[in-house]
Amino acid sequence: MLKGSTRTLLVLILMAAIVGCNKGPTQDQLFEKAKKAQEESNFPAAISAYQEIVKRFPKSPQAAQCQFMVGYLYANHLKDLNLAKDAYQTFLRNYPEDALVKDAQWELDHLGKDVNEIDELNKILAKDSSSVKSDTAG
């Protein structure tokens, strides 16, 4: 049996260990850090913060968006198509019910393509320009 003071010391050590494990920025702080880094075009820092959210808070509502953003930043800003592909595939595997699934699949299907090479966009742009012409002709 432990003496009272030894038991108290053990409880204090356990409490300190538990509290110590929860140290670090909150999810909201990490998200703000990621957005700020992205706004400053510091894409590696943004990716790092988004990845930390996914790692530490995988079940949170923001985790899926953060995983998507990792792929987006790799593809569209850092031009690392392999890491983008991995990030989008991870997104699809881990968040198959998320609202961004179609967007992630579209990004995967068009990775590395120039905007002018994407037929769907060219059709939309052609429709938009013809409707603008007809609107201004009258």
C-alpha atoms as a PDB file:
ATOM      1  CA  MET A   1       0.000   0.000   0.000  1.00  0.00           C
ATOM      2  CA  LEU A   2       1.245   3.474  -0.843  1.00  0.00           C
ATOM      3  CA  LYS A   3       1.625   6.087   1.849  1.00  0.00           C
ATOM      4  CA  GLY A   4      -0.561   9.178   1.555  1.00  0.00           C
ATOM      5  CA  SER A   5       2.222  11.506   0.412  1.00  0.00           C
ATOM      6  CA  THR A   6       3.518   8.966  -2.131  1.00  0.00           C
ATOM      7  CA  ARG A   7       0.012   8.443  -3.491  1.00  0.00           C
ATOM      8  CA  THR A   8      -0.510  12.198  -3.771  1.00  0.00           C
ATOM      9  CA  LEU A   9       2.799  12.596  -5.571  1.00  0.00           C
ATOM     10  CA  LEU A  10       1.899   9.794  -7.984  1.00  0.00           C
ATOM     11  CA  VAL A  11      -1.483  11.394  -8.737  1.00  0.00           C
ATOM     12  CA  LEU A  12       0.185  14.770  -9.348  1.00  0.00           C
ATOM     13  CA  ILE A  13       2.726  13.197 -11.716  1.00  0.00           C
ATOM     14  CA  LEU A  14      -0.042  11.421 -13.649  1.00  0.00           C
ATOM     15  CA  MET A  15      -2.089  14.613 -13.890  1.00  0.00           C
ATOM     16  CA  ALA A  16       0.938  16.556 -15.133  1.00  0.00           C
ATOM     17  CA  ALA A  17       1.610  13.884 -17.750  1.00  0.00           C
ATOM     18  CA  ILE A  18      -1.997  13.987 -18.971  1.00  0.00           C
ATOM     19  CA  VAL A  19      -2.068  17.779 -19.135  1.00  0.00           C
ATOM     20  CA  GLY A  20       1.334  17.804 -20.821  1.00  0.00           C
ATOM     21  CA  CYS A  21       0.041  15.541 -23.600  1.00  0.00           C
ATOM     22  CA  ASN A  22      -2.600  18.097 -24.512  1.00  0.00           C
ATOM     23  CA  LYS A  23      -0.129  20.933 -25.010  1.00  0.00           C
ATOM     24  CA  GLY A  24       0.118  22.615 -28.344  1.00  0.00           C
ATOM     25  CA  PRO A  25      -2.041  24.880 -30.425  1.00  0.00           C
ATOM     26  CA  THR A  26      -5.766  24.307 -30.622  1.00  0.00           C
ATOM     27  CA  GLN A  27      -7.458  23.319 -33.851  1.00  0.00           C
ATOM     28  CA  ASP A  28      -8.701  26.871 -34.376  1.00  0.00           C
ATOM     29  CA  GLN A  29      -5.213  28.277 -33.786  1.00  0.00           C
ATOM     30  CA  LEU A  30      -3.743  25.830 -36.307  1.00  0.00           C
ATOM     31  CA  PHE A  31      -6.422  26.696 -38.849  1.00  0.00           C
ATOM     32  CA  GLU A  32      -5.757  30.410 -38.468  1.00  0.00           C
ATOM     33  CA  LYS A  33      -2.031  29.732 -38.801  1.00  0.00           C
ATOM     34  CA  ALA A  34      -2.656  27.753 -42.006  1.00  0.00           C
ATOM     35  CA  LYS A  35      -4.887  30.437 -43.520  1.00  0.00           C
ATOM     36  CA  LYS A  36      -2.427  33.196 -42.647  1.00  0.00           C
ATOM     37  CA  ALA A  37       0.493  31.267 -44.137  1.00  0.00           C
ATOM     38  CA  GLN A  38      -1.557  30.621 -47.261  1.00  0.00           C
ATOM     39  CA  GLU A  39      -2.450  34.306 -47.594  1.00  0.00           C
ATOM     40  CA  GLU A  40       1.259  35.123 -47.301  1.00  0.00           C
ATOM     41  CA  SER A  41       2.078  32.530 -50.000  1.00  0.00           C
ATOM     42  CA  ASN A  42       3.997  30.480 -47.449  1.00  0.00           C
ATOM     43  CA  PHE A  43       2.532  27.258 -48.806  1.00  0.00           C
ATOM     44  CA  PRO A  44       4.846  24.800 -47.006  1.00  0.00           C
ATOM     45  CA  ALA A  45       3.858  26.338 -43.646  1.00  0.00           C
ATOM     46  CA  ALA A  46       0.171  26.256 -44.608  1.00  0.00           C
ATOM     47  CA  ILE A  47       0.441  22.604 -45.606  1.00  0.00           C
ATOM     48  CA  SER A  48       2.212  21.779 -42.365  1.00  0.00           C
ATOM     49  CA  ALA A  49      -0.534  23.400 -40.276  1.00  0.00           C
ATOM     50  CA  TYR A  50      -3.303  21.716 -42.306  1.00  0.00           C
ATOM     51  CA  GLN A  51      -1.556  18.357 -41.902  1.00  0.00           C
ATOM     52  CA  GLU A  52      -1.244  18.859 -38.152  1.00  0.00           C
ATOM     53  CA  ILE A  53      -5.001  19.462 -37.927  1.00  0.00           C
ATOM     54  CA  VAL A  54      -5.677  16.253 -39.858  1.00  0.00           C
ATOM     55  CA  LYS A  55      -3.253  14.315 -37.667  1.00  0.00           C
ATOM     56  CA  ARG A  56      -4.391  15.684 -34.305  1.00  0.00           C
ATOM     57  CA  PHE A  57      -8.107  16.138 -35.049  1.00  0.00           C
ATOM     58  CA  PRO A  58      -8.954  13.538 -37.742  1.00  0.00           C
ATOM     59  CA  LYS A  59     -12.660  13.356 -36.851  1.00  0.00           C
ATOM     60  CA  SER A  60     -13.276  17.105 -36.710  1.00  0.00           C
ATOM     61  CA  PRO A  61     -15.435  18.783 -39.343  1.00  0.00           C
ATOM     62  CA  GLN A  62     -12.401  20.797 -40.533  1.00  0.00           C
ATOM     63  CA  ALA A  63     -10.159  17.760 -41.055  1.00  0.00           C
ATOM     64  CA  ALA A  64     -11.595  16.887 -44.466  1.00  0.00           C
ATOM     65  CA  GLN A  65     -11.271  20.471 -45.708  1.00  0.00           C
ATOM     66  CA  CYS A  66      -7.690  20.586 -44.437  1.00  0.00           C
ATOM     67  CA  GLN A  67      -6.773  17.339 -46.202  1.00  0.00           C
ATOM     68  CA  PHE A  68      -8.291  18.714 -49.415  1.00  0.00           C
ATOM     69  CA  MET A  69      -6.304  21.932 -49.028  1.00  0.00           C
ATOM     70  CA  VAL A  70      -3.060  19.963 -48.716  1.00  0.00           C
ATOM     71  CA  GLY A  71      -3.719  18.469 -52.150  1.00  0.00           C
ATOM     72  CA  TYR A  72      -4.839  21.781 -53.572  1.00  0.00           C
ATOM     73  CA  LEU A  73      -1.740  23.648 -52.410  1.00  0.00           C
ATOM     74  CA  TYR A  74       0.616  20.945 -53.642  1.00  0.00           C
ATOM     75  CA  ALA A  75      -1.096  20.860 -57.044  1.00  0.00           C
ATOM     76  CA  ASN A  76      -1.801  24.503 -57.702  1.00  0.00           C
ATOM     77  CA  HIS A  77       0.940  26.378 -55.892  1.00  0.00           C
ATOM     78  CA  LEU A  78       3.896  24.076 -55.324  1.00  0.00           C
ATOM     79  CA  LYS A  79       3.333  22.100 -58.557  1.00  0.00           C
ATOM     80  CA  ASP A  80       4.218  18.830 -56.800  1.00  0.00           C
ATOM     81  CA  LEU A  81       1.798  16.539 -58.589  1.00  0.00           C
ATOM     82  CA  ASN A  82       2.906  13.368 -56.778  1.00  0.00           C
ATOM     83  CA  LEU A  83       2.254  14.829 -53.340  1.00  0.00           C
ATOM     84  CA  ALA A  84      -0.979  16.384 -54.603  1.00  0.00           C
ATOM     85  CA  LYS A  85      -2.141  13.020 -55.913  1.00  0.00           C
ATOM     86  CA  ASP A  86      -1.288  11.343 -52.599  1.00  0.00           C
ATOM     87  CA  ALA A  87      -3.143  14.039 -50.636  1.00  0.00           C
ATOM     88  CA  TYR A  88      -6.275  13.840 -52.812  1.00  0.00           C
ATOM     89  CA  GLN A  89      -6.279  10.032 -52.666  1.00  0.00           C
ATOM     90  CA  THR A  90      -5.945  10.195 -48.882  1.00  0.00           C
ATOM     91  CA  PHE A  91      -8.853  12.634 -48.820  1.00  0.00           C
ATOM     92  CA  LEU A  92     -11.052  10.310 -50.910  1.00  0.00           C
ATOM     93  CA  ARG A  93     -10.111   7.292 -48.794  1.00  0.00           C
ATOM     94  CA  ASN A  94     -10.615   8.983 -45.415  1.00  0.00           C
ATOM     95  CA  TYR A  95     -13.574  11.261 -46.170  1.00  0.00           C
ATOM     96  CA  PRO A  96     -15.695   9.468 -48.820  1.00  0.00           C
ATOM     97  CA  GLU A  97     -18.913  11.181 -47.696  1.00  0.00           C
ATOM     98  CA  ASP A  98     -17.581  14.741 -47.626  1.00  0.00           C
ATOM     99  CA  ALA A  99     -19.060  17.472 -49.815  1.00  0.00           C
ATOM    100  CA  LEU A 100     -15.641  18.019 -51.442  1.00  0.00           C
ATOM    101  CA  VAL A 101     -15.390  14.466 -52.847  1.00  0.00           C
ATOM    102  CA  LYS A 102     -16.416  15.539 -56.364  1.00  0.00           C
ATOM    103  CA  ASP A 103     -13.938  18.412 -56.246  1.00  0.00           C
ATOM    104  CA  ALA A 104     -11.117  16.134 -55.126  1.00  0.00           C
ATOM    105  CA  GLN A 105     -11.903  13.628 -57.864  1.00  0.00           C
ATOM    106  CA  TRP A 106     -12.038  16.435 -60.451  1.00  0.00           C
ATOM    107  CA  GLU A 107      -8.674  17.716 -59.249  1.00  0.00           C
ATOM    108  CA  LEU A 108      -7.218  14.203 -59.501  1.00  0.00           C
ATOM    109  CA  ASP A 109      -8.650  13.717 -62.992  1.00  0.00           C
ATOM    110  CA  HIS A 110      -7.090  16.989 -64.184  1.00  0.00           C
ATOM    111  CA  LEU A 111      -3.789  17.034 -62.274  1.00  0.00           C
ATOM    112  CA  GLY A 112      -1.044  18.704 -64.268  1.00  0.00           C
ATOM    113  CA  LYS A 113      -3.300  19.814 -67.113  1.00  0.00           C
ATOM    114  CA  ASP A 114      -3.269  23.338 -68.410  1.00  0.00           C
ATOM    115  CA  VAL A 115      -6.623  25.106 -68.089  1.00  0.00           C
ATOM    116  CA  ASN A 116      -6.871  25.217 -71.902  1.00  0.00           C
ATOM    117  CA  GLU A 117      -6.588  21.408 -72.034  1.00  0.00           C
ATOM    118  CA  ILE A 118      -9.705  20.836 -69.914  1.00  0.00           C
ATOM    119  CA  ASP A 119     -12.694  20.348 -72.211  1.00  0.00           C
ATOM    120  CA  GLU A 120     -15.335  21.002 -69.528  1.00  0.00           C
ATOM    121  CA  LEU A 121     -13.842  24.410 -68.762  1.00  0.00           C
ATOM    122  CA  ASN A 122     -13.539  25.332 -72.431  1.00  0.00           C
ATOM    123  CA  LYS A 123     -17.226  24.497 -72.970  1.00  0.00           C
ATOM    124  CA  ILE A 124     -18.251  26.585 -69.949  1.00  0.00           C
ATOM    125  CA  LEU A 125     -16.090  29.494 -71.089  1.00  0.00           C
ATOM    126  CA  ALA A 126     -17.514  29.270 -74.610  1.00  0.00           C
ATOM    127  CA  LYS A 127     -21.084  29.341 -73.251  1.00  0.00           C
ATOM    128  CA  ASP A 128     -20.284  32.271 -70.972  1.00  0.00           C
ATOM    129  CA  SER A 129     -18.701  34.319 -73.747  1.00  0.00           C
ATOM    130  CA  SER A 130     -21.600  33.664 -76.138  1.00  0.00           C
ATOM    131  CA  SER A 131     -24.148  34.691 -73.501  1.00  0.00           C
ATOM    132  CA  VAL A 132     -22.170  37.861 -72.785  1.00  0.00           C
ATOM    133  CA  LYS A 133     -22.108  38.687 -76.515  1.00  0.00           C
ATOM    134  CA  SER A 134     -25.875  38.180 -76.835  1.00  0.00           C
ATOM    135  CA  ASP A 135     -26.494  40.266 -73.709  1.00  0.00           C
ATOM    136  CA  THR A 136     -24.425  43.170 -75.027  1.00  0.00           C
ATOM    137  CA  ALA A 137     -25.736  42.931 -78.609  1.00  0.00           C
ATOM    138  CA  GLY A 138     -29.253  44.059 -77.630  1.00  0.00           C
END
